[in-house]
N, C-alpha and C. Protein backbone atom coordinates (compact mmCIF):
# COMPACT_ATOMS: atom_id res chain seq x y z
N UNK A 1 -59.31 29.70 16.83
CA UNK A 1 -57.50 29.50 16.27
C UNK A 1 -58.24 30.45 15.15
N UNK A 2 -56.84 31.82 14.72
CA UNK A 2 -56.78 32.88 13.62
C UNK A 2 -56.61 31.70 12.44
N UNK A 3 -56.67 32.76 11.48
CA UNK A 3 -57.15 32.54 9.93
C UNK A 3 -56.05 33.45 9.42
N UNK A 4 -54.77 31.78 8.94
CA UNK A 4 -53.73 32.57 8.35
C UNK A 4 -53.94 33.86 7.22
N UNK A 5 -52.81 34.54 7.84
CA UNK A 5 -52.50 35.72 7.08
C UNK A 5 -51.70 35.66 6.14
N UNK A 6 -52.62 36.15 4.58
CA UNK A 6 -51.45 35.96 3.66
C UNK A 6 -50.91 37.70 3.79
N UNK A 7 -49.92 36.76 2.96
CA UNK A 7 -49.07 37.98 2.93
C UNK A 7 -48.99 38.82 1.59
N UNK A 8 -48.14 40.14 1.31
CA UNK A 8 -48.76 40.79 0.07
C UNK A 8 -47.25 40.47 -0.80
N UNK A 9 -47.24 40.11 -1.94
CA UNK A 9 -45.93 39.76 -2.28
C UNK A 9 -44.67 41.85 -2.35
N UNK A 10 -43.87 40.83 -2.03
CA UNK A 10 -43.09 42.26 -1.92
C UNK A 10 -41.77 41.64 -1.76
N UNK A 11 -40.51 42.30 -2.45
CA UNK A 11 -38.67 42.27 -3.15
C UNK A 11 -38.48 42.33 -0.88
N UNK A 12 -37.61 40.24 -0.82
CA UNK A 12 -37.42 41.17 0.59
C UNK A 12 -36.35 42.09 0.36
N UNK A 13 -36.20 42.80 1.73
CA UNK A 13 -34.88 43.84 2.33
C UNK A 13 -33.99 42.96 2.12
N UNK A 14 -33.49 41.39 1.82
CA UNK A 14 -32.20 40.79 2.09
C UNK A 14 -31.97 40.88 0.65
N UNK A 15 -32.66 40.39 -0.46
CA UNK A 15 -32.27 40.16 -2.25
C UNK A 15 -32.56 42.07 -2.12
N UNK A 16 -32.97 42.90 -1.63
CA UNK A 16 -33.00 44.07 -2.87
C UNK A 16 -31.56 44.41 -1.82
N UNK A 17 -31.02 44.58 -0.58
CA UNK A 17 -29.33 45.28 -0.31
C UNK A 17 -28.77 44.33 -1.15
N UNK A 18 -28.91 43.14 -1.11
CA UNK A 18 -27.82 42.65 -2.57
C UNK A 18 -27.27 42.97 -3.27
N UNK A 19 -29.43 43.05 -4.40
CA UNK A 19 -28.98 43.62 -5.23
C UNK A 19 -28.34 45.47 -5.58
N UNK A 20 -28.71 46.09 -3.69
CA UNK A 20 -28.20 47.20 -3.90
C UNK A 20 -26.79 47.06 -3.87
N UNK A 21 -26.38 45.79 -3.03
CA UNK A 21 -24.56 45.53 -3.26
C UNK A 21 -23.86 45.67 -4.16
N UNK A 22 -24.10 44.94 -5.42
CA UNK A 22 -24.44 44.99 -6.73
C UNK A 22 -23.97 45.51 -7.34
N UNK A 23 -24.84 46.30 -7.40
CA UNK A 23 -25.02 47.30 -8.00
C UNK A 23 -23.98 48.92 -7.98
N UNK A 24 -24.34 49.18 -6.06
CA UNK A 24 -22.81 50.43 -5.72
C UNK A 24 -21.07 49.17 -6.31
N UNK A 25 -21.26 47.73 -6.09
CA UNK A 25 -19.75 47.30 -7.26
C UNK A 25 -19.88 47.46 -8.32
N UNK A 26 -20.37 48.12 -9.25
CA UNK A 26 -20.55 47.86 -10.68
C UNK A 26 -20.63 46.49 -11.06
N UNK A 27 -21.38 45.68 -10.86
CA UNK A 27 -21.48 44.62 -11.63
C UNK A 27 -22.51 44.21 -12.11
N UNK A 28 -23.83 45.37 -12.11
CA UNK A 28 -25.03 45.01 -12.96
C UNK A 28 -24.63 46.27 -13.67
N UNK A 29 -24.04 46.40 -14.23
CA UNK A 29 -23.59 47.59 -15.62
C UNK A 29 -23.15 47.04 -16.53
N UNK A 30 -24.06 47.19 -17.12
CA UNK A 30 -23.07 46.70 -18.91
C UNK A 30 -24.26 45.79 -19.81
N UNK A 31 -23.88 45.83 -20.57
CA UNK A 31 -24.98 45.28 -21.62
C UNK A 31 -25.23 43.04 -20.93
N UNK A 32 -26.20 42.90 -20.49
CA UNK A 32 -26.61 41.43 -20.44
C UNK A 32 -26.42 40.74 -21.49
N UNK A 33 -25.68 40.00 -21.60
CA UNK A 33 -25.02 39.37 -22.80
C UNK A 33 -24.83 37.85 -22.46
N UNK A 34 -24.58 36.94 -21.13
CA UNK A 34 -24.27 36.23 -20.31
C UNK A 34 -25.85 35.43 -20.46
N UNK A 35 -26.16 34.49 -20.74
CA UNK A 35 -27.25 32.88 -20.97
C UNK A 35 -26.83 32.16 -19.66
N UNK A 36 -27.67 32.72 -18.46
CA UNK A 36 -27.87 31.15 -17.51
C UNK A 36 -28.78 30.06 -17.49
N UNK A 37 -28.67 29.36 -17.90
CA UNK A 37 -30.08 28.01 -17.76
C UNK A 37 -29.39 27.30 -16.58
N UNK A 38 -30.91 26.44 -16.23
CA UNK A 38 -30.56 25.42 -15.81
C UNK A 38 -31.89 24.38 -15.22
N UNK A 39 -31.81 23.55 -15.37
CA UNK A 39 -33.53 23.15 -14.89
C UNK A 39 -33.65 22.68 -13.41
N UNK A 40 -35.06 22.98 -13.21
CA UNK A 40 -35.12 23.26 -11.54
C UNK A 40 -36.54 22.41 -11.10
N UNK A 41 -36.65 22.38 -10.38
CA UNK A 41 -37.74 21.49 -9.21
C UNK A 41 -38.83 22.48 -9.11
N UNK A 42 -39.93 23.18 -10.06
CA UNK A 42 -41.31 24.20 -9.85
C UNK A 42 -41.07 23.84 -7.97
N UNK A 43 -40.90 23.20 -7.26
CA UNK A 43 -41.48 23.81 -6.74
C UNK A 43 -40.41 24.69 -5.35
N UNK A 44 -38.59 24.33 -5.92
CA UNK A 44 -38.26 25.46 -5.34
C UNK A 44 -38.25 26.71 -6.13
N UNK A 45 -38.56 26.54 -7.44
CA UNK A 45 -38.71 27.52 -7.83
C UNK A 45 -39.93 29.03 -7.93
N UNK A 46 -41.17 28.68 -7.23
CA UNK A 46 -41.93 29.12 -6.97
C UNK A 46 -42.12 29.50 -5.41
N UNK A 47 -41.56 28.64 -4.19
CA UNK A 47 -40.58 28.79 -3.20
C UNK A 47 -39.48 30.31 -3.24
N UNK A 48 -38.96 30.08 -3.99
CA UNK A 48 -38.01 30.74 -4.09
C UNK A 48 -38.31 32.27 -4.74
N UNK A 49 -39.30 32.48 -5.93
CA UNK A 49 -39.52 33.62 -6.29
C UNK A 49 -40.82 34.70 -5.17
N UNK A 50 -41.58 33.28 -4.67
CA UNK A 50 -42.74 34.11 -2.86
C UNK A 50 -41.50 34.81 -2.28
N UNK A 51 -40.61 33.81 -2.13
CA UNK A 51 -39.31 34.32 -0.81
C UNK A 51 -38.85 36.17 -1.72
N UNK A 52 -38.93 35.51 -2.21
CA UNK A 52 -38.08 36.96 -3.03
C UNK A 52 -38.57 38.20 -3.41
N UNK A 53 -39.92 37.76 -3.72
CA UNK A 53 -40.43 38.93 -4.61
C UNK A 53 -40.36 38.46 -6.25
N UNK A 54 -39.34 37.95 -6.51
CA UNK A 54 -39.17 38.14 -8.20
C UNK A 54 -40.23 38.07 -8.53
N UNK A 55 -40.74 38.64 -9.63
CA UNK A 55 -41.36 37.83 -10.70
C UNK A 55 -41.87 37.71 -11.81
N UNK A 56 -39.73 37.18 -12.38
CA UNK A 56 -39.80 36.07 -13.49
C UNK A 56 -38.41 36.00 -13.33
N UNK A 57 -38.10 34.61 -14.06
CA UNK A 57 -37.28 33.06 -13.96
C UNK A 57 -34.88 34.68 -14.14
N UNK A 58 -36.07 35.46 -14.90
CA UNK A 58 -34.60 36.39 -14.95
C UNK A 58 -34.32 37.00 -13.51
N UNK A 59 -35.31 37.77 -13.62
CA UNK A 59 -34.96 38.20 -12.24
C UNK A 59 -34.83 37.32 -10.89
N UNK A 60 -35.34 36.65 -10.55
CA UNK A 60 -34.77 35.72 -9.58
C UNK A 60 -33.70 35.12 -9.66
N UNK A 61 -33.11 34.88 -10.94
CA UNK A 61 -31.27 34.33 -11.78
C UNK A 61 -30.55 35.42 -11.07
N UNK A 62 -30.44 36.76 -11.43
CA UNK A 62 -30.03 38.02 -10.67
C UNK A 62 -29.78 37.76 -9.38
N UNK A 63 -30.70 38.06 -8.38
CA UNK A 63 -31.03 37.95 -6.83
C UNK A 63 -30.69 37.30 -6.80
N UNK A 64 -30.51 35.62 -6.79
CA UNK A 64 -29.61 34.38 -6.39
C UNK A 64 -28.44 35.22 -6.86
N UNK A 65 -27.83 35.45 -7.96
CA UNK A 65 -26.67 35.39 -8.61
C UNK A 65 -25.60 37.07 -7.32
N UNK A 66 -27.08 37.15 -7.24
CA UNK A 66 -26.13 39.27 -6.45
C UNK A 66 -25.75 38.58 -4.75
N UNK A 67 -26.54 37.40 -4.41
CA UNK A 67 -26.70 37.36 -3.30
C UNK A 67 -25.33 36.59 -3.23
N UNK A 68 -25.08 35.73 -4.12
CA UNK A 68 -23.50 35.31 -4.22
C UNK A 68 -22.73 35.64 -3.80
N UNK A 69 -22.76 36.75 -5.13
CA UNK A 69 -21.22 37.32 -5.13
C UNK A 69 -21.18 38.42 -4.17
N UNK A 70 -22.38 39.06 -3.16
CA UNK A 70 -21.84 39.83 -2.58
C UNK A 70 -22.27 39.35 -0.71
N UNK A 71 -22.12 38.27 -0.78
CA UNK A 71 -22.34 37.56 0.43
C UNK A 71 -21.52 38.34 1.94
N UNK A 72 -19.90 38.55 1.05
CA UNK A 72 -19.33 38.84 2.43
C UNK A 72 -19.48 39.97 2.17
N UNK A 73 -19.74 40.81 1.52
CA UNK A 73 -19.78 42.32 1.64
C UNK A 73 -20.94 42.61 2.58
N UNK A 74 -21.60 41.66 2.28
CA UNK A 74 -23.44 41.99 3.72
C UNK A 74 -23.57 43.28 4.94
N UNK A 75 -22.03 41.88 5.71
CA UNK A 75 -22.00 42.32 7.11
C UNK A 75 -21.59 43.84 6.86
N UNK A 76 -20.42 44.28 6.61
CA UNK A 76 -20.30 45.23 6.46
C UNK A 76 -20.77 46.86 5.91
N UNK A 77 -22.01 46.47 4.87
CA UNK A 77 -22.48 46.78 3.92
C UNK A 77 -23.94 47.28 4.90
N UNK A 78 -24.56 46.64 5.61
CA UNK A 78 -25.20 46.73 6.78
C UNK A 78 -24.84 48.13 7.08
N UNK A 79 -24.27 47.48 8.33
CA UNK A 79 -23.21 47.95 9.67
C UNK A 79 -23.38 49.61 8.99
N UNK A 80 -22.86 49.99 7.70
CA UNK A 80 -22.64 51.52 7.24
C UNK A 80 -23.69 51.62 7.02
N UNK A 81 -25.15 51.39 6.90
CA UNK A 81 -26.49 51.68 7.10
C UNK A 81 -27.01 52.32 7.90
N UNK A 82 -26.65 52.18 9.06
CA UNK A 82 -26.80 52.54 10.64
C UNK A 82 -27.12 53.39 10.67
N UNK A 83 -28.33 54.54 10.96
CA UNK A 83 -28.63 56.05 11.35
C UNK A 83 -28.71 56.91 9.70
N UNK A 84 -29.14 55.77 7.78
CA UNK A 84 -29.48 57.22 7.37
C UNK A 84 -30.73 55.58 6.93
N UNK A 85 -31.27 56.67 6.22
CA UNK A 85 -32.72 57.24 5.96
C UNK A 85 -33.59 57.20 4.51
N UNK A 86 -33.30 56.84 4.06
CA UNK A 86 -33.86 57.08 2.37
C UNK A 86 -34.00 57.92 2.24
N UNK A 87 -34.02 58.31 0.23
CA UNK A 87 -34.80 59.66 0.33
C UNK A 87 -36.12 59.14 0.20
N UNK A 88 -36.76 57.63 -0.27
CA UNK A 88 -38.03 57.54 -0.74
C UNK A 88 -38.46 57.51 0.61
N UNK A 89 -38.25 57.52 2.26
CA UNK A 89 -39.21 57.46 3.04
C UNK A 89 -39.83 58.89 3.05
N UNK A 90 -41.21 58.67 3.32
CA UNK A 90 -42.10 59.84 3.84
C UNK A 90 -42.26 59.79 5.10
N UNK A 91 -41.58 61.26 5.24
CA UNK A 91 -41.73 61.86 7.45
C UNK A 91 -41.98 62.69 7.40
N UNK A 92 -43.44 62.51 6.77
CA UNK A 92 -44.60 63.21 6.96
C UNK A 92 -44.09 65.26 7.55
N UNK A 93 -43.14 65.56 6.93
CA UNK A 93 -43.18 66.84 6.72
C UNK A 93 -43.62 67.79 6.31
């Protein structure tokens, strides 16, 4: 039986994309003045952080809110990215 592979903690592309769309829509501009809080089960928070790659509760909430705020825009945005390569990709030229 193969040994389980440990996953490196990386921010999920889906959540990174949601933050990118929110940024492009201007939703992340301005001072962070709103306070959002709530009590959640520890297992839910732990799993959500592991899935999303969030390093803090604030980052987790920001990812979740961005994901909800731009969910309807995601399919069109994703299709618009076809054939584009990010500037941070090393093409070894």
